[in-house]
Amino acid sequence: MEIKSEKPVTWVEAKKIMEKKAKERELGYEQKAALDFLRKFTKLKEKEAKELEAELKKIEKLSEEERVKIINLLPATEDELNLILETELPEEDKKTILKLVKGFIK
């Protein structure tokens, strides 16, 4: 199989794709395991993930990969956030991210 492009996707997007594939055909073992994982650990609805992504895009120093990780993992503390980040962000940006995430945690 040839990879045509590569793009980080949120667990919400991956879950939607996998559920569509599951309706079309029988999933393999790894695909079933991935879908089970996504059903268990995806915490946001599609609309919420898109809203959070739009807010995170306003923080220019965040890469697309970092935004996706934040949406997937929803870090609640600065320590958790620091484990996700590949770049050093100002404290103000970190506080903004944590405040945004807190608004989406149920």
PDB file of N, CA and C in Angstrom:
ATOM      1  N   MET A   1       0.841  -1.173   0.000  1.00  0.00           N
ATOM      2  CA  MET A   1       0.000   0.000   0.000  1.00  0.00           C
ATOM      3  C   MET A   1       0.890   1.241   0.000  1.00  0.00           C
ATOM      4  N   GLU A   2       0.570   2.179  -0.843  1.00  0.00           N
ATOM      5  CA  GLU A   2       1.352   3.405  -0.972  1.00  0.00           C
ATOM      6  C   GLU A   2       0.733   4.511  -0.123  1.00  0.00           C
ATOM      7  N   ILE A   3       1.574   5.215   0.608  1.00  0.00           N
ATOM      8  CA  ILE A   3       1.111   6.360   1.393  1.00  0.00           C
ATOM      9  C   ILE A   3       1.134   7.579   0.490  1.00  0.00           C
ATOM     10  N   LYS A   4      -0.026   8.179   0.302  1.00  0.00           N
ATOM     11  CA  LYS A   4      -0.129   9.332  -0.590  1.00  0.00           C
ATOM     12  C   LYS A   4       0.120  10.640   0.142  1.00  0.00           C
ATOM     13  N   SER A   5      -0.291  10.693   1.389  1.00  0.00           N
ATOM     14  CA  SER A   5      -0.041  11.889   2.193  1.00  0.00           C
ATOM     15  C   SER A   5      -0.109  11.510   3.666  1.00  0.00           C
ATOM     16  N   GLU A   6       0.425  12.375   4.475  1.00  0.00           N
ATOM     17  CA  GLU A   6       0.456  12.139   5.902  1.00  0.00           C
ATOM     18  C   GLU A   6      -0.007  13.396   6.608  1.00  0.00           C
ATOM     19  N   LYS A   7      -0.933  13.242   7.556  1.00  0.00           N
ATOM     20  CA  LYS A   7      -1.470  14.386   8.273  1.00  0.00           C
ATOM     21  C   LYS A   7      -1.911  13.911   9.651  1.00  0.00           C
ATOM     22  N   PRO A   8      -1.542  14.615  10.701  1.00  0.00           N
ATOM     23  CA  PRO A   8      -2.023  14.209  12.023  1.00  0.00           C
ATOM     24  C   PRO A   8      -3.529  14.443  12.127  1.00  0.00           C
ATOM     25  N   VAL A   9      -4.235  13.480  12.679  1.00  0.00           N
ATOM     26  CA  VAL A   9      -5.675  13.620  12.870  1.00  0.00           C
ATOM     27  C   VAL A   9      -6.014  13.402  14.336  1.00  0.00           C
ATOM     28  N   THR A  10      -7.070  14.046  14.763  1.00  0.00           N
ATOM     29  CA  THR A  10      -7.514  13.865  16.140  1.00  0.00           C
ATOM     30  C   THR A  10      -8.159  12.494  16.279  1.00  0.00           C
ATOM     31  N   TRP A  11      -8.280  12.064  17.521  1.00  0.00           N
ATOM     32  CA  TRP A  11      -8.947  10.790  17.763  1.00  0.00           C
ATOM     33  C   TRP A  11     -10.402  10.870  17.312  1.00  0.00           C
ATOM     34  N   VAL A  12     -11.002  12.045  17.413  1.00  0.00           N
ATOM     35  CA  VAL A  12     -12.384  12.228  16.962  1.00  0.00           C
ATOM     36  C   VAL A  12     -12.485  11.920  15.465  1.00  0.00           C
ATOM     37  N   GLU A  13     -11.559  12.473  14.687  1.00  0.00           N
ATOM     38  CA  GLU A  13     -11.554  12.233  13.239  1.00  0.00           C
ATOM     39  C   GLU A  13     -11.266  10.766  12.928  1.00  0.00           C
ATOM     40  N   ALA A  14     -10.300  10.196  13.631  1.00  0.00           N
ATOM     41  CA  ALA A  14      -9.935   8.795  13.405  1.00  0.00           C
ATOM     42  C   ALA A  14     -11.110   7.874  13.728  1.00  0.00           C
ATOM     43  N   LYS A  15     -11.805   8.175  14.820  1.00  0.00           N
ATOM     44  CA  LYS A  15     -12.968   7.370  15.214  1.00  0.00           C
ATOM     45  C   LYS A  15     -14.050   7.430  14.137  1.00  0.00           C
ATOM     46  N   LYS A  16     -14.297   8.614  13.617  1.00  0.00           N
ATOM     47  CA  LYS A  16     -15.306   8.785  12.563  1.00  0.00           C
ATOM     48  C   LYS A  16     -14.932   7.962  11.324  1.00  0.00           C
ATOM     49  N   ILE A  17     -13.667   8.021  10.935  1.00  0.00           N
ATOM     50  CA  ILE A  17     -13.182   7.264   9.774  1.00  0.00           C
ATOM     51  C   ILE A  17     -13.320   5.761  10.014  1.00  0.00           C
ATOM     52  N   MET A  18     -12.895   5.315  11.197  1.00  0.00           N
ATOM     53  CA  MET A  18     -12.939   3.880  11.501  1.00  0.00           C
ATOM     54  C   MET A  18     -14.374   3.366  11.582  1.00  0.00           C
ATOM     55  N   GLU A  19     -15.274   4.152  12.162  1.00  0.00           N
ATOM     56  CA  GLU A  19     -16.671   3.720  12.252  1.00  0.00           C
ATOM     57  C   GLU A  19     -17.300   3.627  10.863  1.00  0.00           C
ATOM     58  N   LYS A  20     -16.929   4.532   9.978  1.00  0.00           N
ATOM     59  CA  LYS A  20     -17.426   4.471   8.596  1.00  0.00           C
ATOM     60  C   LYS A  20     -16.927   3.199   7.915  1.00  0.00           C
ATOM     61  N   LYS A  21     -15.635   2.892   8.101  1.00  0.00           N
ATOM     62  CA  LYS A  21     -15.064   1.678   7.502  1.00  0.00           C
ATOM     63  C   LYS A  21     -15.718   0.419   8.075  1.00  0.00           C
ATOM     64  N   ALA A  22     -16.039   0.450   9.384  1.00  0.00           N
ATOM     65  CA  ALA A  22     -16.662  -0.706  10.030  1.00  0.00           C
ATOM     66  C   ALA A  22     -18.047  -0.980   9.444  1.00  0.00           C
ATOM     67  N   LYS A  23     -18.740   0.063   9.005  1.00  0.00           N
ATOM     68  CA  LYS A  23     -20.056  -0.122   8.380  1.00  0.00           C
ATOM     69  C   LYS A  23     -19.927  -0.687   6.968  1.00  0.00           C
ATOM     70  N   GLU A  24     -18.820  -0.363   6.313  1.00  0.00           N
ATOM     71  CA  GLU A  24     -18.612  -0.788   4.925  1.00  0.00           C
ATOM     72  C   GLU A  24     -18.123  -2.226   4.810  1.00  0.00           C
ATOM     73  N   ARG A  25     -17.303  -2.654   5.779  1.00  0.00           N
ATOM     74  CA  ARG A  25     -16.715  -3.993   5.687  1.00  0.00           C
ATOM     75  C   ARG A  25     -16.247  -4.460   7.062  1.00  0.00           C
ATOM     76  N   GLU A  26     -15.894  -5.723   7.130  1.00  0.00           N
ATOM     77  CA  GLU A  26     -15.364  -6.309   8.362  1.00  0.00           C
ATOM     78  C   GLU A  26     -13.967  -5.754   8.628  1.00  0.00           C
ATOM     79  N   LEU A  27     -13.738  -5.296   9.851  1.00  0.00           N
ATOM     80  CA  LEU A  27     -12.425  -4.769  10.217  1.00  0.00           C
ATOM     81  C   LEU A  27     -11.496  -5.898  10.630  1.00  0.00           C
ATOM     82  N   GLY A  28     -10.204  -5.712  10.384  1.00  0.00           N
ATOM     83  CA  GLY A  28      -9.197  -6.658  10.843  1.00  0.00           C
ATOM     84  C   GLY A  28      -8.971  -6.503  12.344  1.00  0.00           C
ATOM     85  N   TYR A  29      -8.184  -7.388  12.906  1.00  0.00           N
ATOM     86  CA  TYR A  29      -7.931  -7.384  14.350  1.00  0.00           C
ATOM     87  C   TYR A  29      -7.393  -6.036  14.831  1.00  0.00           C
ATOM     88  N   GLU A  30      -6.355  -5.532  14.162  1.00  0.00           N
ATOM     89  CA  GLU A  30      -5.737  -4.272  14.577  1.00  0.00           C
ATOM     90  C   GLU A  30      -6.705  -3.109  14.442  1.00  0.00           C
ATOM     91  N   GLN A  31      -7.507  -3.135  13.381  1.00  0.00           N
ATOM     92  CA  GLN A  31      -8.485  -2.069  13.178  1.00  0.00           C
ATOM     93  C   GLN A  31      -9.560  -2.105  14.259  1.00  0.00           C
ATOM     94  N   LYS A  32     -10.001  -3.303  14.627  1.00  0.00           N
ATOM     95  CA  LYS A  32     -10.989  -3.434  15.706  1.00  0.00           C
ATOM     96  C   LYS A  32     -10.409  -2.927  17.020  1.00  0.00           C
ATOM     97  N   ALA A  33      -9.160  -3.283  17.286  1.00  0.00           N
ATOM     98  CA  ALA A  33      -8.507  -2.830  18.517  1.00  0.00           C
ATOM     99  C   ALA A  33      -8.378  -1.309  18.528  1.00  0.00           C
ATOM    100  N   ALA A  34      -8.020  -0.741  17.380  1.00  0.00           N
ATOM    101  CA  ALA A  34      -7.897   0.716  17.280  1.00  0.00           C
ATOM    102  C   ALA A  34      -9.249   1.383  17.504  1.00  0.00           C
ATOM    103  N   LEU A  35     -10.296   0.841  16.912  1.00  0.00           N
ATOM    104  CA  LEU A  35     -11.630   1.415  17.077  1.00  0.00           C
ATOM    105  C   LEU A  35     -12.094   1.288  18.526  1.00  0.00           C
ATOM    106  N   ASP A  36     -11.833   0.158  19.160  1.00  0.00           N
ATOM    107  CA  ASP A  36     -12.169   0.000  20.582  1.00  0.00           C
ATOM    108  C   ASP A  36     -11.457   1.054  21.420  1.00  0.00           C
ATOM    109  N   PHE A  37     -10.172   1.254  21.151  1.00  0.00           N
ATOM    110  CA  PHE A  37      -9.391   2.273  21.861  1.00  0.00           C
ATOM    111  C   PHE A  37     -10.022   3.650  21.670  1.00  0.00           C
ATOM    112  N   LEU A  38     -10.331   3.989  20.427  1.00  0.00           N
ATOM    113  CA  LEU A  38     -10.893   5.306  20.124  1.00  0.00           C
ATOM    114  C   LEU A  38     -12.250   5.504  20.793  1.00  0.00           C
ATOM    115  N   ARG A  39     -13.068   4.486  20.803  1.00  0.00           N
ATOM    116  CA  ARG A  39     -14.380   4.584  21.468  1.00  0.00           C
ATOM    117  C   ARG A  39     -14.218   4.783  22.969  1.00  0.00           C
ATOM    118  N   LYS A  40     -13.213   4.164  23.526  1.00  0.00           N
ATOM    119  CA  LYS A  40     -12.999   4.235  24.971  1.00  0.00           C
ATOM    120  C   LYS A  40     -12.368   5.562  25.406  1.00  0.00           C
ATOM    121  N   PHE A  41     -11.427   6.082  24.622  1.00  0.00           N
ATOM    122  CA  PHE A  41     -10.639   7.220  25.082  1.00  0.00           C
ATOM    123  C   PHE A  41     -10.932   8.556  24.405  1.00  0.00           C
ATOM    124  N   THR A  42     -11.743   8.575  23.360  1.00  0.00           N
ATOM    125  CA  THR A  42     -12.099   9.843  22.729  1.00  0.00           C
ATOM    126  C   THR A  42     -13.109  10.540  23.624  1.00  0.00           C
ATOM    127  N   LYS A  43     -12.741  11.738  24.094  1.00  0.00           N
ATOM    128  CA  LYS A  43     -13.571  12.427  25.082  1.00  0.00           C
ATOM    129  C   LYS A  43     -14.428  13.537  24.490  1.00  0.00           C
ATOM    130  N   LEU A  44     -14.054  14.039  23.330  1.00  0.00           N
ATOM    131  CA  LEU A  44     -14.779  15.159  22.743  1.00  0.00           C
ATOM    132  C   LEU A  44     -15.657  14.708  21.585  1.00  0.00           C
ATOM    133  N   LYS A  45     -16.697  15.472  21.356  1.00  0.00           N
ATOM    134  CA  LYS A  45     -17.510  15.290  20.156  1.00  0.00           C
ATOM    135  C   LYS A  45     -16.829  16.055  19.023  1.00  0.00           C
ATOM    136  N   GLU A  46     -17.220  15.761  17.791  1.00  0.00           N
ATOM    137  CA  GLU A  46     -16.576  16.374  16.628  1.00  0.00           C
ATOM    138  C   GLU A  46     -16.644  17.902  16.682  1.00  0.00           C
ATOM    139  N   LYS A  47     -17.795  18.437  17.015  1.00  0.00           N
ATOM    140  CA  LYS A  47     -17.971  19.894  17.072  1.00  0.00           C
ATOM    141  C   LYS A  47     -17.044  20.510  18.122  1.00  0.00           C
ATOM    142  N   GLU A  48     -16.951  19.865  19.283  1.00  0.00           N
ATOM    143  CA  GLU A  48     -16.086  20.373  20.354  1.00  0.00           C
ATOM    144  C   GLU A  48     -14.621  20.353  19.933  1.00  0.00           C
ATOM    145  N   ALA A  49     -14.205  19.278  19.282  1.00  0.00           N
ATOM    146  CA  ALA A  49     -12.812  19.170  18.834  1.00  0.00           C
ATOM    147  C   ALA A  49     -12.484  20.276  17.835  1.00  0.00           C
ATOM    148  N   LYS A  50     -13.414  20.568  16.938  1.00  0.00           N
ATOM    149  CA  LYS A  50     -13.185  21.625  15.949  1.00  0.00           C
ATOM    150  C   LYS A  50     -13.132  22.998  16.612  1.00  0.00           C
ATOM    151  N   GLU A  51     -13.986  23.210  17.613  1.00  0.00           N
ATOM    152  CA  GLU A  51     -13.969  24.481  18.346  1.00  0.00           C
ATOM    153  C   GLU A  51     -12.641  24.659  19.079  1.00  0.00           C
ATOM    154  N   LEU A  52     -12.196  23.604  19.757  1.00  0.00           N
ATOM    155  CA  LEU A  52     -10.935  23.678  20.484  1.00  0.00           C
ATOM    156  C   LEU A  52      -9.776  23.885  19.518  1.00  0.00           C
ATOM    157  N   GLU A  53      -9.804  23.203  18.389  1.00  0.00           N
ATOM    158  CA  GLU A  53      -8.740  23.369  17.397  1.00  0.00           C
ATOM    159  C   GLU A  53      -8.693  24.811  16.887  1.00  0.00           C
ATOM    160  N   ALA A  54      -9.846  25.397  16.640  1.00  0.00           N
ATOM    161  CA  ALA A  54      -9.895  26.784  16.161  1.00  0.00           C
ATOM    162  C   ALA A  54      -9.282  27.732  17.190  1.00  0.00           C
ATOM    163  N   GLU A  55      -9.556  27.489  18.454  1.00  0.00           N
ATOM    164  CA  GLU A  55      -8.985  28.329  19.515  1.00  0.00           C
ATOM    165  C   GLU A  55      -7.476  28.120  19.630  1.00  0.00           C
ATOM    166  N   LEU A  56      -7.038  26.870  19.516  1.00  0.00           N
ATOM    167  CA  LEU A  56      -5.608  26.566  19.627  1.00  0.00           C
ATOM    168  C   LEU A  56      -4.817  27.128  18.450  1.00  0.00           C
ATOM    169  N   LYS A  57      -5.454  27.264  17.293  1.00  0.00           N
ATOM    170  CA  LYS A  57      -4.775  27.831  16.119  1.00  0.00           C
ATOM    171  C   LYS A  57      -4.369  29.283  16.353  1.00  0.00           C
ATOM    172  N   LYS A  58      -5.026  29.939  17.284  1.00  0.00           N
ATOM    173  CA  LYS A  58      -4.702  31.332  17.597  1.00  0.00           C
ATOM    174  C   LYS A  58      -3.347  31.451  18.297  1.00  0.00           C
ATOM    175  N   ILE A  59      -2.871  30.350  18.865  1.00  0.00           N
ATOM    176  CA  ILE A  59      -1.554  30.328  19.505  1.00  0.00           C
ATOM    177  C   ILE A  59      -0.564  29.912  18.424  1.00  0.00           C
ATOM    178  N   GLU A  60       0.079  30.888  17.832  1.00  0.00           N
ATOM    179  CA  GLU A  60       0.880  30.684  16.624  1.00  0.00           C
ATOM    180  C   GLU A  60       2.049  29.725  16.784  1.00  0.00           C
ATOM    181  N   LYS A  61       2.606  29.634  17.977  1.00  0.00           N
ATOM    182  CA  LYS A  61       3.790  28.784  18.163  1.00  0.00           C
ATOM    183  C   LYS A  61       3.458  27.296  18.235  1.00  0.00           C
ATOM    184  N   LEU A  62       2.183  26.955  18.340  1.00  0.00           N
ATOM    185  CA  LEU A  62       1.796  25.545  18.393  1.00  0.00           C
ATOM    186  C   LEU A  62       1.817  24.937  16.997  1.00  0.00           C
ATOM    187  N   SER A  63       2.455  23.792  16.875  1.00  0.00           N
ATOM    188  CA  SER A  63       2.445  23.080  15.592  1.00  0.00           C
ATOM    189  C   SER A  63       1.126  22.314  15.463  1.00  0.00           C
ATOM    190  N   GLU A  64       0.855  21.851  14.267  1.00  0.00           N
ATOM    191  CA  GLU A  64      -0.360  21.066  14.042  1.00  0.00           C
ATOM    192  C   GLU A  64      -0.335  19.793  14.886  1.00  0.00           C
ATOM    193  N   GLU A  65       0.829  19.158  14.985  1.00  0.00           N
ATOM    194  CA  GLU A  65       0.961  17.939  15.790  1.00  0.00           C
ATOM    195  C   GLU A  65       0.672  18.222  17.260  1.00  0.00           C
ATOM    196  N   GLU A  66       1.172  19.346  17.764  1.00  0.00           N
ATOM    197  CA  GLU A  66       0.931  19.696  19.162  1.00  0.00           C
ATOM    198  C   GLU A  66      -0.551  19.972  19.406  1.00  0.00           C
ATOM    199  N   ARG A  67      -1.198  20.662  18.473  1.00  0.00           N
ATOM    200  CA  ARG A  67      -2.635  20.928  18.614  1.00  0.00           C
ATOM    201  C   ARG A  67      -3.416  19.619  18.674  1.00  0.00           C
ATOM    202  N   VAL A  68      -3.081  18.691  17.798  1.00  0.00           N
ATOM    203  CA  VAL A  68      -3.773  17.403  17.768  1.00  0.00           C
ATOM    204  C   VAL A  68      -3.552  16.648  19.079  1.00  0.00           C
ATOM    205  N   LYS A  69      -2.335  16.649  19.582  1.00  0.00           N
ATOM    206  CA  LYS A  69      -2.047  15.965  20.851  1.00  0.00           C
ATOM    207  C   LYS A  69      -2.832  16.582  21.998  1.00  0.00           C
ATOM    208  N   ILE A  70      -2.919  17.908  22.021  1.00  0.00           N
ATOM    209  CA  ILE A  70      -3.675  18.590  23.074  1.00  0.00           C
ATOM    210  C   ILE A  70      -5.147  18.202  22.997  1.00  0.00           C
ATOM    211  N   ILE A  71      -5.706  18.182  21.796  1.00  0.00           N
ATOM    212  CA  ILE A  71      -7.113  17.812  21.617  1.00  0.00           C
ATOM    213  C   ILE A  71      -7.339  16.358  22.028  1.00  0.00           C
ATOM    214  N   ASN A  72      -6.419  15.478  21.701  1.00  0.00           N
ATOM    215  CA  ASN A  72      -6.563  14.061  22.038  1.00  0.00           C
ATOM    216  C   ASN A  72      -6.424  13.805  23.529  1.00  0.00           C
ATOM    217  N   LEU A  73      -5.440  14.415  24.146  1.00  0.00           N
ATOM    218  CA  LEU A  73      -5.093  14.073  25.526  1.00  0.00           C
ATOM    219  C   LEU A  73      -5.703  14.996  26.569  1.00  0.00           C
ATOM    220  N   LEU A  74      -6.143  16.183  26.165  1.00  0.00           N
ATOM    221  CA  LEU A  74      -6.757  17.157  27.061  1.00  0.00           C
ATOM    222  C   LEU A  74      -5.981  17.301  28.374  1.00  0.00           C
ATOM    223  N   PRO A  75      -4.769  17.818  28.309  1.00  0.00           N
ATOM    224  CA  PRO A  75      -3.964  17.947  29.526  1.00  0.00           C
ATOM    225  C   PRO A  75      -4.626  18.879  30.539  1.00  0.00           C
ATOM    226  N   ALA A  76      -4.626  18.468  31.805  1.00  0.00           N
ATOM    227  CA  ALA A  76      -5.278  19.252  32.855  1.00  0.00           C
ATOM    228  C   ALA A  76      -4.281  20.064  33.677  1.00  0.00           C
ATOM    229  N   THR A  77      -3.005  19.708  33.594  1.00  0.00           N
ATOM    230  CA  THR A  77      -1.995  20.411  34.385  1.00  0.00           C
ATOM    231  C   THR A  77      -0.863  20.883  33.475  1.00  0.00           C
ATOM    232  N   GLU A  78      -0.069  21.804  33.998  1.00  0.00           N
ATOM    233  CA  GLU A  78       1.066  22.297  33.220  1.00  0.00           C
ATOM    234  C   GLU A  78       2.082  21.182  32.975  1.00  0.00           C
ATOM    235  N   ASP A  79       2.261  20.297  33.950  1.00  0.00           N
ATOM    236  CA  ASP A  79       3.186  19.169  33.769  1.00  0.00           C
ATOM    237  C   ASP A  79       2.734  18.274  32.614  1.00  0.00           C
ATOM    238  N   GLU A  80       1.438  17.969  32.561  1.00  0.00           N
ATOM    239  CA  GLU A  80       0.914  17.152  31.465  1.00  0.00           C
ATOM    240  C   GLU A  80       1.103  17.868  30.131  1.00  0.00           C
ATOM    241  N   LEU A  81       0.855  19.165  30.111  1.00  0.00           N
ATOM    242  CA  LEU A  81       1.017  19.949  28.885  1.00  0.00           C
ATOM    243  C   LEU A  81       2.471  19.948  28.425  1.00  0.00           C
ATOM    244  N   ASN A  82       3.401  20.110  29.362  1.00  0.00           N
ATOM    245  CA  ASN A  82       4.825  20.131  29.013  1.00  0.00           C
ATOM    246  C   ASN A  82       5.282  18.814  28.378  1.00  0.00           C
ATOM    247  N   LEU A  83       4.665  17.707  28.778  1.00  0.00           N
ATOM    248  CA  LEU A  83       5.008  16.408  28.188  1.00  0.00           C
ATOM    249  C   LEU A  83       4.582  16.327  26.723  1.00  0.00           C
ATOM    250  N   ILE A  84       3.565  17.072  26.367  1.00  0.00           N
ATOM    251  CA  ILE A  84       3.035  17.071  25.000  1.00  0.00           C
ATOM    252  C   ILE A  84       3.823  17.995  24.088  1.00  0.00           C
ATOM    253  N   LEU A  85       4.213  19.133  24.613  1.00  0.00           N
ATOM    254  CA  LEU A  85       4.813  20.184  23.793  1.00  0.00           C
ATOM    255  C   LEU A  85       6.214  19.827  23.324  1.00  0.00           C
ATOM    256  N   GLU A  86       6.456  20.097  22.056  1.00  0.00           N
ATOM    257  CA  GLU A  86       7.785  19.895  21.481  1.00  0.00           C
ATOM    258  C   GLU A  86       8.584  21.193  21.512  1.00  0.00           C
ATOM    259  N   THR A  87       7.878  22.309  21.610  1.00  0.00           N
ATOM    260  CA  THR A  87       8.522  23.622  21.644  1.00  0.00           C
ATOM    261  C   THR A  87       8.245  24.284  22.981  1.00  0.00           C
ATOM    262  N   GLU A  88       9.107  25.184  23.356  1.00  0.00           N
ATOM    263  CA  GLU A  88       8.927  25.924  24.601  1.00  0.00           C
ATOM    264  C   GLU A  88       7.960  27.070  24.344  1.00  0.00           C
ATOM    265  N   LEU A  89       6.933  27.153  25.169  1.00  0.00           N
ATOM    266  CA  LEU A  89       5.952  28.227  25.039  1.00  0.00           C
ATOM    267  C   LEU A  89       6.035  29.156  26.240  1.00  0.00           C
ATOM    268  N   PRO A  90       5.682  30.418  26.048  1.00  0.00           N
ATOM    269  CA  PRO A  90       5.608  31.337  27.185  1.00  0.00           C
ATOM    270  C   PRO A  90       4.544  30.857  28.179  1.00  0.00           C
ATOM    271  N   GLU A  91       4.745  31.186  29.443  1.00  0.00           N
ATOM    272  CA  GLU A  91       3.804  30.774  30.491  1.00  0.00           C
ATOM    273  C   GLU A  91       2.383  31.231  30.175  1.00  0.00           C
ATOM    274  N   GLU A  92       2.255  32.414  29.615  1.00  0.00           N
ATOM    275  CA  GLU A  92       0.932  32.954  29.289  1.00  0.00           C
ATOM    276  C   GLU A  92       0.203  32.050  28.290  1.00  0.00           C
ATOM    277  N   ASP A  93       0.925  31.564  27.287  1.00  0.00           N
ATOM    278  CA  ASP A  93       0.319  30.659  26.305  1.00  0.00           C
ATOM    279  C   ASP A  93      -0.081  29.336  26.957  1.00  0.00           C
ATOM    280  N   LYS A  94       0.752  28.834  27.845  1.00  0.00           N
ATOM    281  CA  LYS A  94       0.426  27.580  28.537  1.00  0.00           C
ATOM    282  C   LYS A  94      -0.841  27.741  29.367  1.00  0.00           C
ATOM    283  N   LYS A  95      -0.942  28.860  30.067  1.00  0.00           N
ATOM    284  CA  LYS A  95      -2.141  29.108  30.877  1.00  0.00           C
ATOM    285  C   LYS A  95      -3.374  29.215  29.991  1.00  0.00           C
ATOM    286  N   THR A  96      -3.226  29.850  28.844  1.00  0.00           N
ATOM    287  CA  THR A  96      -4.336  29.972  27.896  1.00  0.00           C
ATOM    288  C   THR A  96      -4.785  28.595  27.419  1.00  0.00           C
ATOM    289  N   ILE A  97      -3.830  27.745  27.076  1.00  0.00           N
ATOM    290  CA  ILE A  97      -4.150  26.393  26.604  1.00  0.00           C
ATOM    291  C   ILE A  97      -4.892  25.620  27.686  1.00  0.00           C
ATOM    292  N   LEU A  98      -4.374  25.653  28.906  1.00  0.00           N
ATOM    293  CA  LEU A  98      -5.006  24.910  30.000  1.00  0.00           C
ATOM    294  C   LEU A  98      -6.413  25.431  30.281  1.00  0.00           C
ATOM    295  N   LYS A  99      -6.592  26.737  30.182  1.00  0.00           N
ATOM    296  CA  LYS A  99      -7.919  27.330  30.387  1.00  0.00           C
ATOM    297  C   LYS A  99      -8.879  26.867  29.290  1.00  0.00           C
ATOM    298  N   LEU A 100      -8.406  26.860  28.048  1.00  0.00           N
ATOM    299  CA  LEU A 100      -9.233  26.390  26.932  1.00  0.00           C
ATOM    300  C   LEU A 100      -9.634  24.931  27.132  1.00  0.00           C
ATOM    301  N   VAL A 101      -8.655  24.101  27.457  1.00  0.00           N
ATOM    302  CA  VAL A 101      -8.913  22.670  27.638  1.00  0.00           C
ATOM    303  C   VAL A 101      -9.907  22.454  28.773  1.00  0.00           C
ATOM    304  N   LYS A 102      -9.737  23.195  29.861  1.00  0.00           N
ATOM    305  CA  LYS A 102     -10.627  23.053  31.020  1.00  0.00           C
ATOM    306  C   LYS A 102     -12.083  23.289  30.621  1.00  0.00           C
ATOM    307  N   GLY A 103     -12.298  24.211  29.684  1.00  0.00           N
ATOM    308  CA  GLY A 103     -13.649  24.486  29.224  1.00  0.00           C
ATOM    309  C   GLY A 103     -14.290  23.332  28.460  1.00  0.00           C
ATOM    310  N   PHE A 104     -13.484  22.379  28.004  1.00  0.00           N
ATOM    311  CA  PHE A 104     -14.008  21.253  27.232  1.00  0.00           C
ATOM    312  C   PHE A 104     -14.025  19.948  28.019  1.00  0.00           C
ATOM    313  N   ILE A 105     -13.384  19.927  29.180  1.00  0.00           N
ATOM    314  CA  ILE A 105     -13.366  18.706  29.997  1.00  0.00           C
ATOM    315  C   ILE A 105     -14.690  18.594  30.735  1.00  0.00           C
ATOM    316  N   LYS A 106     -15.266  17.409  30.662  1.00  0.00           N
ATOM    317  CA  LYS A 106     -16.577  17.190  31.302  1.00  0.00           C
ATOM    318  C   LYS A 106     -16.417  16.534  32.641  1.00  0.00           C
TER     319      LYS A 106
END
